Amino acid sequence: MAKGDSSNPELLSLLQELAPSATVDFILPHYDLYNTYAIRLDIAQDLTGEWYEGLKEAVEAMAASSLANIRFLEVDCLEGDCSLFVEENLKEVLGIVYFPHKVVEDKPH
């Protein structure tokens, strides 16, 4: 997400539409959520080599944010899941991470 997009009216409108269908929705203190995802970023890069679109940008935005709490939403999408890091009242988006569904191939028995 580009700098300045966090309060884009179209993005906030989409967020308002998606929030009720979130499969996960909770609020955590800023540091707790940032710390969890900073560690996840390190693991993804250093250990597994997996890369998730938007993860680095979301961690950087959380690091720079002065919000006391961050709301975490997870929304099921057709080809993956989106994790959204937002202001408690859905007024600002800090980051969006896309986790594509892994394709599991059927193996012959």
Protein backbone atom coordinates (compact mmCIF):
# COMPACT_ATOMS: atom_id res chain seq x y z
CA MET A 1 0.00 0.00 0.00
CA ALA A 2 1.46 3.33 -1.00
CA LYS A 3 2.04 6.05 1.56
CA GLY A 4 -1.01 8.26 1.78
CA ASP A 5 -3.46 5.50 0.79
CA SER A 6 -4.27 4.69 4.43
CA SER A 7 -7.18 7.14 4.60
CA ASN A 8 -8.30 6.83 0.97
CA PRO A 9 -12.14 7.12 0.98
CA GLU A 10 -12.59 4.16 -1.42
CA LEU A 11 -10.32 1.95 0.69
CA LEU A 12 -12.14 2.93 3.89
CA SER A 13 -15.51 2.27 2.23
CA LEU A 14 -14.33 -1.20 1.16
CA LEU A 15 -13.09 -1.82 4.70
CA GLN A 16 -16.52 -0.90 6.09
CA GLU A 17 -18.09 -3.46 3.73
CA LEU A 18 -15.59 -6.22 4.54
CA ALA A 19 -15.50 -5.82 8.34
CA PRO A 20 -18.84 -7.56 9.06
CA SER A 21 -17.72 -10.67 7.13
CA ALA A 22 -14.37 -10.96 8.93
CA THR A 23 -13.64 -14.44 10.24
CA VAL A 24 -11.29 -12.92 12.84
CA ASP A 25 -11.77 -9.51 14.43
CA PHE A 26 -9.94 -8.34 17.55
CA ILE A 27 -8.08 -5.37 18.99
CA LEU A 28 -4.64 -5.62 20.56
CA PRO A 29 -2.21 -3.10 21.97
CA HIS A 30 -0.06 -1.69 19.19
CA TYR A 31 3.19 -3.17 20.47
CA ASP A 32 1.78 -6.69 20.86
CA LEU A 33 0.46 -6.91 17.32
CA TYR A 34 3.52 -5.20 15.84
CA ASN A 35 5.87 -7.53 17.72
CA THR A 36 3.98 -10.64 16.59
CA TYR A 37 4.06 -9.65 12.93
CA ALA A 38 7.64 -8.38 13.01
CA ILE A 39 8.65 -11.86 14.21
CA ARG A 40 6.44 -13.45 11.57
CA LEU A 41 8.16 -11.32 8.90
CA ASP A 42 11.59 -12.48 10.10
CA ILE A 43 10.48 -16.12 10.07
CA ALA A 44 8.93 -15.79 6.62
CA GLN A 45 12.07 -14.23 5.17
CA ASP A 46 14.83 -16.05 7.03
CA LEU A 47 13.50 -19.51 7.77
CA THR A 48 10.79 -20.49 5.33
CA GLY A 49 11.65 -18.24 2.40
CA GLU A 50 7.94 -17.58 1.97
CA TRP A 51 6.92 -14.10 1.01
CA TYR A 52 3.46 -12.65 1.56
CA GLU A 53 2.31 -9.61 -0.35
CA GLY A 54 2.05 -6.59 1.94
CA LEU A 55 3.61 -8.16 5.05
CA LYS A 56 6.74 -6.02 5.07
CA GLU A 57 4.75 -2.85 4.38
CA ALA A 58 2.24 -3.66 7.14
CA VAL A 59 5.04 -4.23 9.67
CA GLU A 60 6.72 -0.96 8.64
CA ALA A 61 3.41 0.93 8.94
CA MET A 62 2.79 -0.52 12.40
CA ALA A 63 6.33 0.45 13.45
CA ALA A 64 5.70 4.04 12.38
CA SER A 65 2.18 4.27 13.81
CA SER A 66 1.35 6.15 16.99
CA LEU A 67 -1.95 4.29 17.54
CA ALA A 68 -2.33 2.85 21.04
CA ASN A 69 -4.29 -0.15 19.73
CA ILE A 70 -4.61 -1.85 16.36
CA ARG A 71 -7.60 -3.77 15.11
CA PHE A 72 -6.86 -6.98 13.25
CA LEU A 73 -9.36 -8.36 10.73
CA GLU A 74 -9.04 -11.49 8.65
CA VAL A 75 -11.27 -11.86 5.62
CA ASP A 76 -11.64 -14.95 3.45
CA CYS A 77 -11.17 -14.21 -0.23
CA LEU A 78 -11.65 -16.46 -3.22
CA GLU A 79 -7.98 -17.32 -3.69
CA GLY A 80 -6.58 -16.58 -0.25
CA ASP A 81 -7.03 -14.67 2.97
CA CYS A 82 -6.48 -10.99 3.65
CA SER A 83 -5.25 -9.77 6.99
CA LEU A 84 -6.06 -6.13 7.63
CA PHE A 85 -4.36 -3.96 10.24
CA VAL A 86 -6.53 -0.95 10.94
CA GLU A 87 -7.38 1.78 13.41
CA GLU A 88 -9.94 0.60 16.01
CA ASN A 89 -12.85 2.50 14.42
CA LEU A 90 -11.91 1.63 10.82
CA LYS A 91 -10.72 5.18 10.07
CA GLU A 92 -7.19 4.29 8.91
CA VAL A 93 -5.62 1.26 7.25
CA LEU A 94 -2.08 0.45 8.32
CA GLY A 95 -1.59 -2.56 6.12
CA ILE A 96 -3.12 -5.37 4.13
CA VAL A 97 -1.42 -8.75 3.86
CA TYR A 98 -2.52 -11.31 1.28
CA PHE A 99 -1.98 -14.98 2.09
CA PRO A 100 -2.80 -17.10 -0.99
CA HIS A 101 -4.33 -20.52 -0.44
CA LYS A 102 -1.76 -23.23 -0.98
CA VAL A 103 -2.63 -25.63 -3.77
CA VAL A 104 -2.54 -29.18 -2.50
CA GLU A 105 -2.03 -31.66 -5.29
CA ASP A 106 -3.77 -35.01 -5.10
CA LYS A 107 -1.25 -37.80 -5.07
CA PRO A 108 -2.13 -41.19 -6.50
CA HIS A 109 -2.52 -43.91 -3.88
